[in-house]
Amino acid sequence: MPTIARNESRPGTYVLADELWLPRSVDEVFSFFADAYRLEEITPPWLHFHVQTPRPVPMFPGSLIDYRLRLHGIPIRWRTEISEWEPPFRFVDRQLIGPYRLWEHLHTFEEKDGGTLVHDRVHYAVPGGSLVHWLFVQPDLRRIFAYRRQKMAEFLGQPELPAIT
């Protein structure tokens, strides 16, 4: 389960942190995330999340990716920018248009124990302050990231089987 805490160094912001070990190589796991359309597969269906940017989405610093989703029944446009891209070890996406006042998501991939440790660290701020965060945003993010963990384990949780010859 992800942890969510106030960011004491940036008042009015929060930090979500999560990690998951997967029995795959860093290259395999990073390749999964390098396809922006995979985000549709690891996002809960109740968000009705869809990538709008035409395929293939080239990934590099400055790439823009447009999405649409429904949050509590409200249609939302979301645009992110890939602000850092360092295959196969890390990338950062940040919201340019969307529901948050701030959204900066650092993804890191670390070789560990014959697999890959995936770290997520999101700095974010919400309109409406701490009450809106406590009532809506924090529970939603916990559900979203729990679903994401489950789907990542389904897609990447088994070591790749050797080819049958």
Foldseek 3Di string as FASTA:
>chain_A
DWDKDADPVDPQKIKTKDKDWALEALQVVQVCVQQVQNVVVQFDVQFVKDWDDDPPQHDDAQGKTWMWTADVNRIWIWIWGFRHDDPSFKTWIWTPGTQFPTWIWIWGWDDDPNTIMIMIMIMTHGPPTDVCCVPPVVVVVVVGVVSNNVSCCVVGRDYDDDDDD
